[in-house]
């Protein structure tokens, strides 16, 4: 019985970490994980704030947002893989 309770608490902890990393509330993630167990871990992947994640990726320089379709692409991309928008390069603009 104790092992089951420990397992569910561990599921709550894992769900809290996942939710927190995705920009959501760690407390809410813990509660979902502790109540739903392994399903709570899966649910935690859908609980984060996707806009916060996008802002973090852009701020870190991992991605940039296409001005035409608003999808994230790699910072070195010259053409958006989603809509075909061509990015103007800074080098061409300076020269």
PDB file of N, CA and C in Angstrom:
ATOM      1  N   UNK A   1       0.819  -1.196   0.000  1.00  0.00           N
ATOM      2  CA  UNK A   1       0.000   0.000   0.000  1.00  0.00           C
ATOM      3  C   UNK A   1       0.862   1.258   0.000  1.00  0.00           C
ATOM      4  N   UNK A   2       1.940   1.267   0.791  1.00  0.00           N
ATOM      5  CA  UNK A   2       2.831   2.417   0.856  1.00  0.00           C
ATOM      6  C   UNK A   2       3.521   2.633  -0.494  1.00  0.00           C
ATOM      7  N   UNK A   3       3.874   1.543  -1.148  1.00  0.00           N
ATOM      8  CA  UNK A   3       4.527   1.644  -2.451  1.00  0.00           C
ATOM      9  C   UNK A   3       3.613   2.301  -3.479  1.00  0.00           C
ATOM     10  N   UNK A   4       2.332   2.042  -3.405  1.00  0.00           N
ATOM     11  CA  UNK A   4       1.374   2.639  -4.336  1.00  0.00           C
ATOM     12  C   UNK A   4       1.290   4.146  -4.111  1.00  0.00           C
ATOM     13  N   UNK A   5       1.239   4.553  -2.860  1.00  0.00           N
ATOM     14  CA  UNK A   5       1.177   5.983  -2.536  1.00  0.00           C
ATOM     15  C   UNK A   5       2.447   6.690  -3.000  1.00  0.00           C
ATOM     16  N   UNK A   6       3.577   6.071  -2.776  1.00  0.00           N
ATOM     17  CA  UNK A   6       4.851   6.651  -3.227  1.00  0.00           C
ATOM     18  C   UNK A   6       4.880   6.768  -4.742  1.00  0.00           C
ATOM     19  N   UNK A   7       4.410   5.755  -5.445  1.00  0.00           N
ATOM     20  CA  UNK A   7       4.357   5.782  -6.906  1.00  0.00           C
ATOM     21  C   UNK A   7       3.503   6.947  -7.403  1.00  0.00           C
ATOM     22  N   UNK A   8       2.334   7.157  -6.795  1.00  0.00           N
ATOM     23  CA  UNK A   8       1.437   8.241  -7.220  1.00  0.00           C
ATOM     24  C   UNK A   8       2.044   9.603  -6.900  1.00  0.00           C
ATOM     25  N   UNK A   9       2.762   9.712  -5.784  1.00  0.00           N
ATOM     26  CA  UNK A   9       3.433  10.970  -5.459  1.00  0.00           C
ATOM     27  C   UNK A   9       4.571  11.257  -6.440  1.00  0.00           C
ATOM     28  N   UNK A  10       5.272  10.206  -6.845  1.00  0.00           N
ATOM     29  CA  UNK A  10       6.328  10.369  -7.853  1.00  0.00           C
ATOM     30  C   UNK A  10       5.709  10.829  -9.173  1.00  0.00           C
ATOM     31  N   UNK A  11       4.580  10.240  -9.539  1.00  0.00           N
ATOM     32  CA  UNK A  11       3.878  10.680 -10.761  1.00  0.00           C
ATOM     33  C   UNK A  11       3.508  12.156 -10.653  1.00  0.00           C
ATOM     34  N   UNK A  12       3.082  12.586  -9.466  1.00  0.00           N
ATOM     35  CA  UNK A  12       2.762  13.997  -9.246  1.00  0.00           C
ATOM     36  C   UNK A  12       3.979  14.880  -9.405  1.00  0.00           C
ATOM     37  N   UNK A  13       5.104  14.443  -8.884  1.00  0.00           N
ATOM     38  CA  UNK A  13       6.348  15.209  -9.013  1.00  0.00           C
ATOM     39  C   UNK A  13       6.811  15.336 -10.450  1.00  0.00           C
ATOM     40  N   UNK A  14       6.743  14.234 -11.182  1.00  0.00           N
ATOM     41  CA  UNK A  14       7.138  14.262 -12.600  1.00  0.00           C
ATOM     42  C   UNK A  14       6.206  15.179 -13.390  1.00  0.00           C
ATOM     43  N   UNK A  15       4.918  15.068 -13.141  1.00  0.00           N
ATOM     44  CA  UNK A  15       3.954  15.926 -13.835  1.00  0.00           C
ATOM     45  C   UNK A  15       4.184  17.392 -13.494  1.00  0.00           C
ATOM     46  N   UNK A  16       4.534  17.686 -12.246  1.00  0.00           N
ATOM     47  CA  UNK A  16       4.819  19.066 -11.839  1.00  0.00           C
ATOM     48  C   UNK A  16       6.025  19.617 -12.582  1.00  0.00           C
ATOM     49  N   UNK A  17       7.075  18.807 -12.728  1.00  0.00           N
ATOM     50  CA  UNK A  17       8.270  19.253 -13.451  1.00  0.00           C
ATOM     51  C   UNK A  17       7.966  19.506 -14.920  1.00  0.00           C
ATOM     52  N   UNK A  18       7.212  18.621 -15.533  1.00  0.00           N
ATOM     53  CA  UNK A  18       6.868  18.782 -16.949  1.00  0.00           C
ATOM     54  C   UNK A  18       6.035  20.040 -17.150  1.00  0.00           C
ATOM     55  N   UNK A  19       5.015  20.224 -16.327  1.00  0.00           N
ATOM     56  CA  UNK A  19       4.143  21.391 -16.450  1.00  0.00           C
ATOM     57  C   UNK A  19       4.926  22.673 -16.212  1.00  0.00           C
ATOM     58  N   UNK A  20       5.794  22.679 -15.234  1.00  0.00           N
ATOM     59  CA  UNK A  20       6.604  23.855 -14.932  1.00  0.00           C
ATOM     60  C   UNK A  20       7.543  24.198 -16.085  1.00  0.00           C
ATOM     61  N   UNK A  21       8.175  23.199 -16.673  1.00  0.00           N
ATOM     62  CA  UNK A  21       9.071  23.424 -17.813  1.00  0.00           C
ATOM     63  C   UNK A  21       8.341  23.978 -19.026  1.00  0.00           C
ATOM     64  N   UNK A  22       7.074  23.661 -19.143  1.00  0.00           N
ATOM     65  CA  UNK A  22       6.286  24.133 -20.278  1.00  0.00           C
ATOM     66  C   UNK A  22       5.578  25.458 -19.994  1.00  0.00           C
ATOM     67  N   UNK A  23       5.933  26.112 -18.901  1.00  0.00           N
ATOM     68  CA  UNK A  23       5.389  27.421 -18.591  1.00  0.00           C
ATOM     69  C   UNK A  23       4.094  27.407 -17.809  1.00  0.00           C
ATOM     70  N   UNK A  24       3.682  26.261 -17.314  1.00  0.00           N
ATOM     71  CA  UNK A  24       2.449  26.162 -16.546  1.00  0.00           C
ATOM     72  C   UNK A  24       2.711  26.141 -15.049  1.00  0.00           C
ATOM     73  N   UNK A  25       1.664  25.907 -14.289  1.00  0.00           N
ATOM     74  CA  UNK A  25       1.753  25.866 -12.839  1.00  0.00           C
ATOM     75  C   UNK A  25       2.230  24.487 -12.377  1.00  0.00           C
ATOM     76  N   UNK A  26       3.320  24.484 -11.621  1.00  0.00           N
ATOM     77  CA  UNK A  26       3.828  23.231 -11.083  1.00  0.00           C
ATOM     78  C   UNK A  26       2.882  22.603 -10.075  1.00  0.00           C
ATOM     79  N   UNK A  27       2.184  23.440  -9.320  1.00  0.00           N
ATOM     80  CA  UNK A  27       1.229  22.929  -8.328  1.00  0.00           C
ATOM     81  C   UNK A  27       0.086  22.201  -9.029  1.00  0.00           C
ATOM     82  N   UNK A  28      -0.435  22.827 -10.086  1.00  0.00           N
ATOM     83  CA  UNK A  28      -1.511  22.176 -10.843  1.00  0.00           C
ATOM     84  C   UNK A  28      -1.012  20.873 -11.460  1.00  0.00           C
ATOM     85  N   UNK A  29       0.210  20.875 -11.964  1.00  0.00           N
ATOM     86  CA  UNK A  29       0.782  19.657 -12.527  1.00  0.00           C
ATOM     87  C   UNK A  29       0.914  18.563 -11.499  1.00  0.00           C
ATOM     88  N   UNK A  30       1.342  18.941 -10.279  1.00  0.00           N
ATOM     89  CA  UNK A  30       1.461  17.945  -9.212  1.00  0.00           C
ATOM     90  C   UNK A  30       0.108  17.344  -8.868  1.00  0.00           C
ATOM     91  N   UNK A  31      -0.896  18.202  -8.735  1.00  0.00           N
ATOM     92  CA  UNK A  31      -2.226  17.699  -8.386  1.00  0.00           C
ATOM     93  C   UNK A  31      -2.769  16.750  -9.452  1.00  0.00           C
ATOM     94  N   UNK A  32      -2.596  17.114 -10.714  1.00  0.00           N
ATOM     95  CA  UNK A  32      -3.065  16.249 -11.804  1.00  0.00           C
ATOM     96  C   UNK A  32      -2.300  14.931 -11.787  1.00  0.00           C
ATOM     97  N   UNK A  33      -0.982  15.009 -11.628  1.00  0.00           N
ATOM     98  CA  UNK A  33      -0.172  13.796 -11.604  1.00  0.00           C
ATOM     99  C   UNK A  33      -0.483  12.907 -10.416  1.00  0.00           C
ATOM    100  N   UNK A  34      -0.702  13.521  -9.251  1.00  0.00           N
ATOM    101  CA  UNK A  34      -0.997  12.732  -8.055  1.00  0.00           C
ATOM    102  C   UNK A  34      -2.383  12.105  -8.116  1.00  0.00           C
ATOM    103  N   UNK A  35      -3.320  12.785  -8.762  1.00  0.00           N
ATOM    104  CA  UNK A  35      -4.680  12.242  -8.850  1.00  0.00           C
ATOM    105  C   UNK A  35      -4.834  11.223  -9.976  1.00  0.00           C
ATOM    106  N   UNK A  36      -4.138  11.454 -11.085  1.00  0.00           N
ATOM    107  CA  UNK A  36      -4.317  10.570 -12.244  1.00  0.00           C
ATOM    108  C   UNK A  36      -3.175   9.580 -12.443  1.00  0.00           C
ATOM    109  N   UNK A  37      -2.116   9.725 -11.687  1.00  0.00           N
ATOM    110  CA  UNK A  37      -0.992   8.797 -11.806  1.00  0.00           C
ATOM    111  C   UNK A  37      -0.306   8.908 -13.161  1.00  0.00           C
ATOM    112  N   UNK A  38      -0.034   7.797 -13.810  1.00  0.00           N
ATOM    113  CA  UNK A  38       0.649   7.837 -15.106  1.00  0.00           C
ATOM    114  C   UNK A  38      -0.104   8.649 -16.170  1.00  0.00           C
ATOM    115  N   UNK A  39      -1.415   8.662 -16.120  1.00  0.00           N
ATOM    116  CA  UNK A  39      -2.180   9.491 -17.064  1.00  0.00           C
ATOM    117  C   UNK A  39      -1.965  10.970 -16.793  1.00  0.00           C
ATOM    118  N   UNK A  40      -1.683  11.313 -15.538  1.00  0.00           N
ATOM    119  CA  UNK A  40      -1.393  12.695 -15.187  1.00  0.00           C
ATOM    120  C   UNK A  40      -0.095  13.183 -15.808  1.00  0.00           C
ATOM    121  N   UNK A  41       0.866  12.284 -15.958  1.00  0.00           N
ATOM    122  CA  UNK A  41       2.119  12.646 -16.626  1.00  0.00           C
ATOM    123  C   UNK A  41       1.847  12.979 -18.082  1.00  0.00           C
ATOM    124  N   UNK A  42       1.024  12.186 -18.724  1.00  0.00           N
ATOM    125  CA  UNK A  42       0.653  12.461 -20.118  1.00  0.00           C
ATOM    126  C   UNK A  42      -0.103  13.778 -20.206  1.00  0.00           C
ATOM    127  N   UNK A  43      -1.021  14.013 -19.285  1.00  0.00           N
ATOM    128  CA  UNK A  43      -1.813  15.249 -19.287  1.00  0.00           C
ATOM    129  C   UNK A  43      -0.924  16.468 -19.065  1.00  0.00           C
ATOM    130  N   UNK A  44       0.162  16.317 -18.328  1.00  0.00           N
ATOM    131  CA  UNK A  44       1.051  17.441 -18.029  1.00  0.00           C
ATOM    132  C   UNK A  44       1.673  18.023 -19.298  1.00  0.00           C
ATOM    133  N   UNK A  45       1.846  17.204 -20.323  1.00  0.00           N
ATOM    134  CA  UNK A  45       2.420  17.701 -21.573  1.00  0.00           C
ATOM    135  C   UNK A  45       1.485  18.689 -22.260  1.00  0.00           C
ATOM    136  N   UNK A  46       0.210  18.659 -21.924  1.00  0.00           N
ATOM    137  CA  UNK A  46      -0.767  19.540 -22.552  1.00  0.00           C
ATOM    138  C   UNK A  46      -1.147  20.719 -21.668  1.00  0.00           C
ATOM    139  N   UNK A  47      -0.539  20.839 -20.496  1.00  0.00           N
ATOM    140  CA  UNK A  47      -0.944  21.860 -19.536  1.00  0.00           C
ATOM    141  C   UNK A  47      -0.130  23.133 -19.612  1.00  0.00           C
ATOM    142  N   UNK A  48       0.995  23.136 -20.284  1.00  0.00           N
ATOM    143  CA  UNK A  48       1.848  24.310 -20.316  1.00  0.00           C
ATOM    144  C   UNK A  48       1.309  25.413 -21.205  1.00  0.00           C
ATOM    145  N   UNK A  49       1.841  26.593 -21.041  1.00  0.00           N
ATOM    146  CA  UNK A  49       1.483  27.753 -21.851  1.00  0.00           C
ATOM    147  C   UNK A  49       2.372  27.750 -23.084  1.00  0.00           C
ATOM    148  N   UNK A  50       1.819  27.401 -24.224  1.00  0.00           N
ATOM    149  CA  UNK A  50       2.618  27.289 -25.436  1.00  0.00           C
ATOM    150  C   UNK A  50       3.187  28.634 -25.872  1.00  0.00           C
ATOM    151  N   UNK A  51       2.496  29.728 -25.596  1.00  0.00           N
ATOM    152  CA  UNK A  51       3.020  31.041 -25.957  1.00  0.00           C
ATOM    153  C   UNK A  51       4.257  31.369 -25.131  1.00  0.00           C
ATOM    154  N   UNK A  52       4.264  30.965 -23.880  1.00  0.00           N
ATOM    155  CA  UNK A  52       5.431  31.191 -23.031  1.00  0.00           C
ATOM    156  C   UNK A  52       6.623  30.386 -23.547  1.00  0.00           C
ATOM    157  N   UNK A  53       6.369  29.176 -23.980  1.00  0.00           N
ATOM    158  CA  UNK A  53       7.433  28.334 -24.537  1.00  0.00           C
ATOM    159  C   UNK A  53       7.987  28.984 -25.798  1.00  0.00           C
ATOM    160  N   UNK A  54       7.103  29.480 -26.676  1.00  0.00           N
ATOM    161  CA  UNK A  54       7.553  30.146 -27.898  1.00  0.00           C
ATOM    162  C   UNK A  54       8.408  31.365 -27.573  1.00  0.00           C
ATOM    163  N   UNK A  55       7.961  32.184 -26.628  1.00  0.00           N
ATOM    164  CA  UNK A  55       8.725  33.380 -26.252  1.00  0.00           C
ATOM    165  C   UNK A  55      10.098  33.002 -25.720  1.00  0.00           C
ATOM    166  N   UNK A  56      10.168  31.929 -24.951  1.00  0.00           N
ATOM    167  CA  UNK A  56      11.446  31.467 -24.421  1.00  0.00           C
ATOM    168  C   UNK A  56      12.380  31.001 -25.529  1.00  0.00           C
ATOM    169  N   UNK A  57      11.842  30.312 -26.534  1.00  0.00           N
ATOM    170  CA  UNK A  57      12.662  29.849 -27.650  1.00  0.00           C
ATOM    171  C   UNK A  57      13.166  31.022 -28.478  1.00  0.00           C
ATOM    172  N   UNK A  58      12.323  32.015 -28.692  1.00  0.00           N
ATOM    173  CA  UNK A  58      12.738  33.189 -29.468  1.00  0.00           C
ATOM    174  C   UNK A  58      13.788  33.974 -28.685  1.00  0.00           C
ATOM    175  N   UNK A  59      13.561  34.178 -27.383  1.00  0.00           N
ATOM    176  CA  UNK A  59      14.498  34.929 -26.547  1.00  0.00           C
ATOM    177  C   UNK A  59      15.852  34.235 -26.470  1.00  0.00           C
ATOM    178  N   UNK A  60      15.849  32.902 -26.436  1.00  0.00           N
ATOM    179  CA  UNK A  60      17.088  32.136 -26.363  1.00  0.00           C
ATOM    180  C   UNK A  60      17.805  32.060 -27.708  1.00  0.00           C
ATOM    181  N   UNK A  61      17.149  32.495 -28.778  1.00  0.00           N
ATOM    182  CA  UNK A  61      17.756  32.446 -30.096  1.00  0.00           C
ATOM    183  C   UNK A  61      17.659  31.093 -30.764  1.00  0.00           C
ATOM    184  N   UNK A  62      16.827  30.216 -30.238  1.00  0.00           N
ATOM    185  CA  UNK A  62      16.660  28.878 -30.799  1.00  0.00           C
ATOM    186  C   UNK A  62      15.717  28.908 -32.001  1.00  0.00           C
ATOM    187  N   UNK A  63      14.805  29.880 -32.027  1.00  0.00           N
ATOM    188  CA  UNK A  63      13.815  29.989 -33.096  1.00  0.00           C
ATOM    189  C   UNK A  63      13.539  31.449 -33.408  1.00  0.00           C
ATOM    190  N   UNK A  64      12.921  31.669 -34.563  1.00  0.00           N
ATOM    191  CA  UNK A  64      12.377  32.976 -34.893  1.00  0.00           C
ATOM    192  C   UNK A  64      10.989  32.758 -35.461  1.00  0.00           C
ATOM    193  N   UNK A  65      10.153  33.792 -35.386  1.00  0.00           N
ATOM    194  CA  UNK A  65       8.768  33.667 -35.818  1.00  0.00           C
ATOM    195  C   UNK A  65       8.630  34.235 -37.222  1.00  0.00           C
ATOM    196  N   UNK A  66       7.981  33.491 -38.104  1.00  0.00           N
ATOM    197  CA  UNK A  66       7.731  33.938 -39.466  1.00  0.00           C
ATOM    198  C   UNK A  66       6.699  35.077 -39.422  1.00  0.00           C
ATOM    199  N   UNK A  67       6.982  36.195 -40.098  1.00  0.00           N
ATOM    200  CA  UNK A  67       6.023  37.308 -40.069  1.00  0.00           C
ATOM    201  C   UNK A  67       4.749  37.038 -40.871  1.00  0.00           C
ATOM    202  N   UNK A  68       4.800  36.073 -41.782  1.00  0.00           N
ATOM    203  CA  UNK A  68       3.625  35.787 -42.596  1.00  0.00           C
ATOM    204  C   UNK A  68       2.679  34.795 -41.927  1.00  0.00           C
ATOM    205  N   UNK A  69       3.202  33.653 -41.439  1.00  0.00           N
ATOM    206  CA  UNK A  69       2.328  32.604 -40.903  1.00  0.00           C
ATOM    207  C   UNK A  69       2.437  32.452 -39.381  1.00  0.00           C
ATOM    208  N   UNK A  70       3.387  33.146 -38.752  1.00  0.00           N
ATOM    209  CA  UNK A  70       3.584  33.146 -37.302  1.00  0.00           C
ATOM    210  C   UNK A  70       4.055  31.803 -36.748  1.00  0.00           C
ATOM    211  N   UNK A  71       4.565  30.922 -37.582  1.00  0.00           N
ATOM    212  CA  UNK A  71       5.127  29.657 -37.111  1.00  0.00           C
ATOM    213  C   UNK A  71       6.591  29.863 -36.741  1.00  0.00           C
ATOM    214  N   UNK A  72       7.107  29.029 -35.832  1.00  0.00           N
ATOM    215  CA  UNK A  72       8.506  29.113 -35.451  1.00  0.00           C
ATOM    216  C   UNK A  72       9.371  28.356 -36.444  1.00  0.00           C
ATOM    217  N   UNK A  73      10.486  28.968 -36.813  1.00  0.00           N
ATOM    218  CA  UNK A  73      11.460  28.336 -37.697  1.00  0.00           C
ATOM    219  C   UNK A  73      12.847  28.543 -37.091  1.00  0.00           C
ATOM    220  N   UNK A  74      13.825  27.840 -37.600  1.00  0.00           N
ATOM    221  CA  UNK A  74      15.188  27.972 -37.097  1.00  0.00           C
ATOM    222  C   UNK A  74      15.723  29.363 -37.429  1.00  0.00           C
ATOM    223  N   UNK A  75      16.589  29.896 -36.569  1.00  0.00           N
ATOM    224  CA  UNK A  75      17.052  31.269 -36.766  1.00  0.00           C
ATOM    225  C   UNK A  75      17.865  31.477 -38.044  1.00  0.00           C
ATOM    226  N   UNK A  76      18.501  30.435 -38.549  1.00  0.00           N
ATOM    227  CA  UNK A  76      19.306  30.574 -39.761  1.00  0.00           C
ATOM    228  C   UNK A  76      18.511  30.333 -41.037  1.00  0.00           C
ATOM    229  N   UNK A  77      17.226  30.032 -40.922  1.00  0.00           N
ATOM    230  CA  UNK A  77      16.406  29.732 -42.099  1.00  0.00           C
ATOM    231  C   UNK A  77      16.261  30.971 -42.978  1.00  0.00           C
ATOM    232  N   UNK A  78      16.362  30.768 -44.280  1.00  0.00           N
ATOM    233  CA  UNK A  78      16.147  31.875 -45.207  1.00  0.00           C
ATOM    234  C   UNK A  78      14.759  31.795 -45.833  1.00  0.00           C
ATOM    235  N   UNK A  79      14.117  30.616 -45.726  1.00  0.00           N
ATOM    236  CA  UNK A  79      12.757  30.421 -46.234  1.00  0.00           C
ATOM    237  C   UNK A  79      11.961  29.673 -45.170  1.00  0.00           C
ATOM    238  N   UNK A  80      10.735  30.129 -44.896  1.00  0.00           N
ATOM    239  CA  UNK A  80       9.873  29.467 -43.919  1.00  0.00           C
ATOM    240  C   UNK A  80       9.430  28.113 -44.472  1.00  0.00           C
ATOM    241  N   UNK A  81       9.610  27.066 -43.674  1.00  0.00           N
ATOM    242  CA  UNK A  81       9.228  25.724 -44.120  1.00  0.00           C
ATOM    243  C   UNK A  81       7.722  25.522 -44.129  1.00  0.00           C
ATOM    244  N   UNK A  82       6.980  26.428 -43.494  1.00  0.00           N
ATOM    245  CA  UNK A  82       5.534  26.283 -43.413  1.00  0.00           C
ATOM    246  C   UNK A  82       4.807  26.982 -44.564  1.00  0.00           C
ATOM    247  N   UNK A  83       5.239  28.211 -44.884  1.00  0.00           N
ATOM    248  CA  UNK A  83       4.491  28.988 -45.888  1.00  0.00           C
ATOM    249  C   UNK A  83       5.337  29.442 -47.071  1.00  0.00           C
ATOM    250  N   UNK A  84       6.659  29.258 -47.002  1.00  0.00           N
ATOM    251  CA  UNK A  84       7.523  29.642 -48.117  1.00  0.00           C
ATOM    252  C   UNK A  84       7.974  31.094 -48.087  1.00  0.00           C
ATOM    253  N   UNK A  85       7.670  31.823 -47.013  1.00  0.00           N
ATOM    254  CA  UNK A  85       8.099  33.225 -46.903  1.00  0.00           C
ATOM    255  C   UNK A  85       9.617  33.295 -46.929  1.00  0.00           C
ATOM    256  N   UNK A  86      10.168  34.206 -47.736  1.00  0.00           N
ATOM    257  CA  UNK A  86      11.613  34.390 -47.798  1.00  0.00           C
ATOM    258  C   UNK A  86      12.019  35.501 -46.840  1.00  0.00           C
ATOM    259  N   UNK A  87      12.931  35.187 -45.940  1.00  0.00           N
ATOM    260  CA  UNK A  87      13.423  36.157 -44.975  1.00  0.00           C
ATOM    261  C   UNK A  87      14.527  36.973 -45.636  1.00  0.00           C
ATOM    262  N   UNK A  88      14.544  38.263 -45.361  1.00  0.00           N
ATOM    263  CA  UNK A  88      15.637  39.105 -45.865  1.00  0.00           C
ATOM    264  C   UNK A  88      16.805  38.942 -44.919  1.00  0.00           C
ATOM    265  N   UNK A  89      17.964  38.748 -45.459  1.00  0.00           N
ATOM    266  CA  UNK A  89      19.127  38.553 -44.605  1.00  0.00           C
ATOM    267  C   UNK A  89      19.676  39.904 -44.163  1.00  0.00           C
ATOM    268  N   UNK A  90      20.225  39.965 -42.977  1.00  0.00           N
ATOM    269  CA  UNK A  90      20.803  41.201 -42.433  1.00  0.00           C
ATOM    270  C   UNK A  90      22.024  41.601 -43.234  1.00  0.00           C
ATOM    271  N   UNK A  91      22.767  40.618 -43.745  1.00  0.00           N
ATOM    272  CA  UNK A  91      23.960  40.907 -44.529  1.00  0.00           C
ATOM    273  C   UNK A  91      23.590  41.620 -45.820  1.00  0.00           C
ATOM    274  N   UNK A  92      22.543  41.156 -46.492  1.00  0.00           N
ATOM    275  CA  UNK A  92      22.101  41.782 -47.735  1.00  0.00           C
ATOM    276  C   UNK A  92      21.577  43.188 -47.477  1.00  0.00           C
ATOM    277  N   UNK A  93      20.938  43.402 -46.341  1.00  0.00           N
ATOM    278  CA  UNK A  93      20.386  44.712 -46.019  1.00  0.00           C
ATOM    279  C   UNK A  93      21.506  45.717 -45.697  1.00  0.00           C
ATOM    280  N   UNK A  94      22.610  45.235 -45.130  1.00  0.00           N
ATOM    281  CA  UNK A  94      23.725  46.118 -44.789  1.00  0.00           C
ATOM    282  C   UNK A  94      24.539  46.492 -46.015  1.00  0.00           C
ATOM    283  N   UNK A  95      24.599  45.604 -47.000  1.00  0.00           N
ATOM    284  CA  UNK A  95      25.488  45.805 -48.152  1.00  0.00           C
ATOM    285  C   UNK A  95      24.910  46.589 -49.210  1.00  0.00           C
TER     286      UNK A  95
END
